[in-house]
């Protein structure tokens, strides 16, 4: 199941858009995961994919917080987001996304 997850970091959004589109060749669902400063990039990648390339996708968003340990041993909270993109039922009935 890990094959359909795209971890978002510091690359430009189009890099992740291409990864999402590539993953849709093998599966009906792709998950974008990001935390901290990468969250806006994940949102941009999901929206670019939905608006420009694969208009027949549905989107579910899950947010959360993780505790991370810093350099000095302190723990801090880091925001996380998980954006699940799925082919819509109509697209699945028509043969899906190419």
C-alpha atoms as a PDB file:
ATOM      1  CA  UNK A   1       0.000   0.000   0.000  1.00  0.00           C
ATOM      2  CA  UNK A   2       3.027   2.292   0.418  1.00  0.00           C
ATOM      3  CA  UNK A   3       3.412   2.427  -3.370  1.00  0.00           C
ATOM      4  CA  UNK A   4       0.691   5.032  -3.733  1.00  0.00           C
ATOM      5  CA  UNK A   5       2.127   7.531  -1.218  1.00  0.00           C
ATOM      6  CA  UNK A   6       3.986  10.649  -2.366  1.00  0.00           C
ATOM      7  CA  UNK A   7       5.998  12.353   0.368  1.00  0.00           C
ATOM      8  CA  UNK A   8       6.194  16.097  -0.216  1.00  0.00           C
ATOM      9  CA  UNK A   9       9.352  18.027   0.627  1.00  0.00           C
ATOM     10  CA  UNK A  10      11.149  21.071  -0.718  1.00  0.00           C
ATOM     11  CA  UNK A  11      10.967  20.427  -4.490  1.00  0.00           C
ATOM     12  CA  UNK A  12       8.699  22.536  -6.729  1.00  0.00           C
ATOM     13  CA  UNK A  13       5.009  21.490  -6.817  1.00  0.00           C
ATOM     14  CA  UNK A  14       5.221  20.255 -10.424  1.00  0.00           C
ATOM     15  CA  UNK A  15       7.648  17.518  -9.339  1.00  0.00           C
ATOM     16  CA  UNK A  16       4.962  16.105  -7.071  1.00  0.00           C
ATOM     17  CA  UNK A  17       2.247  16.590  -9.714  1.00  0.00           C
ATOM     18  CA  UNK A  18       4.231  14.366 -12.069  1.00  0.00           C
ATOM     19  CA  UNK A  19       4.680  11.780  -9.294  1.00  0.00           C
ATOM     20  CA  UNK A  20       0.920  11.767  -8.630  1.00  0.00           C
ATOM     21  CA  UNK A  21       0.056  11.400 -12.311  1.00  0.00           C
ATOM     22  CA  UNK A  22       2.587   8.575 -12.667  1.00  0.00           C
ATOM     23  CA  UNK A  23       1.120   6.756  -9.670  1.00  0.00           C
ATOM     24  CA  UNK A  24      -2.384   6.951 -11.132  1.00  0.00           C
ATOM     25  CA  UNK A  25      -1.255   4.651 -13.944  1.00  0.00           C
ATOM     26  CA  UNK A  26      -1.028   1.813 -11.389  1.00  0.00           C
ATOM     27  CA  UNK A  27      -3.683   2.616  -8.793  1.00  0.00           C
ATOM     28  CA  UNK A  28      -7.013   4.331  -8.239  1.00  0.00           C
ATOM     29  CA  UNK A  29      -5.857   6.316  -5.187  1.00  0.00           C
ATOM     30  CA  UNK A  30      -2.773   8.425  -4.436  1.00  0.00           C
ATOM     31  CA  UNK A  31      -1.899  10.007  -1.096  1.00  0.00           C
ATOM     32  CA  UNK A  32       0.173  13.185  -0.710  1.00  0.00           C
ATOM     33  CA  UNK A  33       1.803  13.440   2.737  1.00  0.00           C
ATOM     34  CA  UNK A  34       3.536  16.534   4.077  1.00  0.00           C
ATOM     35  CA  UNK A  35       4.439  18.150   7.339  1.00  0.00           C
ATOM     36  CA  UNK A  36       5.533  21.580   8.457  1.00  0.00           C
ATOM     37  CA  UNK A  37       6.628  23.990   5.752  1.00  0.00           C
ATOM     38  CA  UNK A  38       5.938  21.448   2.983  1.00  0.00           C
ATOM     39  CA  UNK A  39       2.154  21.605   3.545  1.00  0.00           C
ATOM     40  CA  UNK A  40       1.531  24.508   1.100  1.00  0.00           C
ATOM     41  CA  UNK A  41       3.508  22.631  -1.567  1.00  0.00           C
ATOM     42  CA  UNK A  42       1.331  19.532  -1.058  1.00  0.00           C
ATOM     43  CA  UNK A  43      -1.839  21.610  -1.367  1.00  0.00           C
ATOM     44  CA  UNK A  44      -0.497  23.281  -4.529  1.00  0.00           C
ATOM     45  CA  UNK A  45       0.430  19.905  -6.053  1.00  0.00           C
ATOM     46  CA  UNK A  46      -3.030  18.472  -5.303  1.00  0.00           C
ATOM     47  CA  UNK A  47      -4.817  21.500  -6.743  1.00  0.00           C
ATOM     48  CA  UNK A  48      -2.652  21.641  -9.878  1.00  0.00           C
ATOM     49  CA  UNK A  49      -3.306  17.943 -10.449  1.00  0.00           C
ATOM     50  CA  UNK A  50      -7.070  18.350  -9.980  1.00  0.00           C
ATOM     51  CA  UNK A  51      -7.517  21.587 -11.941  1.00  0.00           C
ATOM     52  CA  UNK A  52      -5.090  21.174 -14.857  1.00  0.00           C
ATOM     53  CA  UNK A  53      -4.512  17.489 -15.462  1.00  0.00           C
ATOM     54  CA  UNK A  54      -7.025  15.068 -13.911  1.00  0.00           C
ATOM     55  CA  UNK A  55     -10.309  16.898 -13.429  1.00  0.00           C
ATOM     56  CA  UNK A  56     -12.240  13.758 -12.442  1.00  0.00           C
ATOM     57  CA  UNK A  57     -10.575  13.298  -9.036  1.00  0.00           C
ATOM     58  CA  UNK A  58     -12.117  13.504  -5.584  1.00  0.00           C
ATOM     59  CA  UNK A  59     -10.125  14.798  -2.650  1.00  0.00           C
ATOM     60  CA  UNK A  60     -10.102  13.963   1.077  1.00  0.00           C
ATOM     61  CA  UNK A  61      -7.921  15.880   3.535  1.00  0.00           C
ATOM     62  CA  UNK A  62      -6.738  14.705   6.930  1.00  0.00           C
ATOM     63  CA  UNK A  63      -4.772  16.967   9.275  1.00  0.00           C
ATOM     64  CA  UNK A  64      -2.841  16.215  12.422  1.00  0.00           C
ATOM     65  CA  UNK A  65       0.123  16.980  14.644  1.00  0.00           C
ATOM     66  CA  UNK A  66       3.296  15.000  15.289  1.00  0.00           C
ATOM     67  CA  UNK A  67       5.731  15.497  18.131  1.00  0.00           C
ATOM     68  CA  UNK A  68       9.331  15.734  16.969  1.00  0.00           C
ATOM     69  CA  UNK A  69      12.494  15.926  18.998  1.00  0.00           C
ATOM     70  CA  UNK A  70      14.739  18.908  18.236  1.00  0.00           C
ATOM     71  CA  UNK A  71      18.514  19.298  18.357  1.00  0.00           C
ATOM     72  CA  UNK A  72      18.602  20.113  22.056  1.00  0.00           C
ATOM     73  CA  UNK A  73      16.334  17.246  23.086  1.00  0.00           C
ATOM     74  CA  UNK A  74      13.221  19.409  23.224  1.00  0.00           C
ATOM     75  CA  UNK A  75      10.011  18.144  21.683  1.00  0.00           C
ATOM     76  CA  UNK A  76       7.968  20.341  19.406  1.00  0.00           C
ATOM     77  CA  UNK A  77       4.693  19.938  17.583  1.00  0.00           C
ATOM     78  CA  UNK A  78       4.730  19.795  13.785  1.00  0.00           C
ATOM     79  CA  UNK A  79       1.563  20.035  11.703  1.00  0.00           C
ATOM     80  CA  UNK A  80       0.868  17.278   9.176  1.00  0.00           C
ATOM     81  CA  UNK A  81      -1.488  16.886   6.246  1.00  0.00           C
ATOM     82  CA  UNK A  82      -2.535  13.876   4.210  1.00  0.00           C
ATOM     83  CA  UNK A  83      -4.355  14.577   0.937  1.00  0.00           C
ATOM     84  CA  UNK A  84      -5.992  11.531  -0.648  1.00  0.00           C
ATOM     85  CA  UNK A  85      -6.800  11.859  -4.343  1.00  0.00           C
ATOM     86  CA  UNK A  86      -9.157   9.232  -5.802  1.00  0.00           C
ATOM     87  CA  UNK A  87     -10.625   8.642  -9.189  1.00  0.00           C
ATOM     88  CA  UNK A  88     -14.287   9.607  -9.082  1.00  0.00           C
ATOM     89  CA  UNK A  89     -16.876   6.817  -9.447  1.00  0.00           C
ATOM     90  CA  UNK A  90     -17.870   8.213 -12.849  1.00  0.00           C
ATOM     91  CA  UNK A  91     -14.279   7.994 -14.082  1.00  0.00           C
ATOM     92  CA  UNK A  92     -13.976   4.418 -12.861  1.00  0.00           C
ATOM     93  CA  UNK A  93     -17.116   3.442 -14.775  1.00  0.00           C
ATOM     94  CA  UNK A  94     -15.759   5.036 -17.958  1.00  0.00           C
ATOM     95  CA  UNK A  95     -12.406   3.303 -17.800  1.00  0.00           C
ATOM     96  CA  UNK A  96     -10.572   5.665 -15.436  1.00  0.00           C
ATOM     97  CA  UNK A  97      -7.742   8.067 -15.858  1.00  0.00           C
ATOM     98  CA  UNK A  98      -5.367   7.189 -18.664  1.00  0.00           C
END
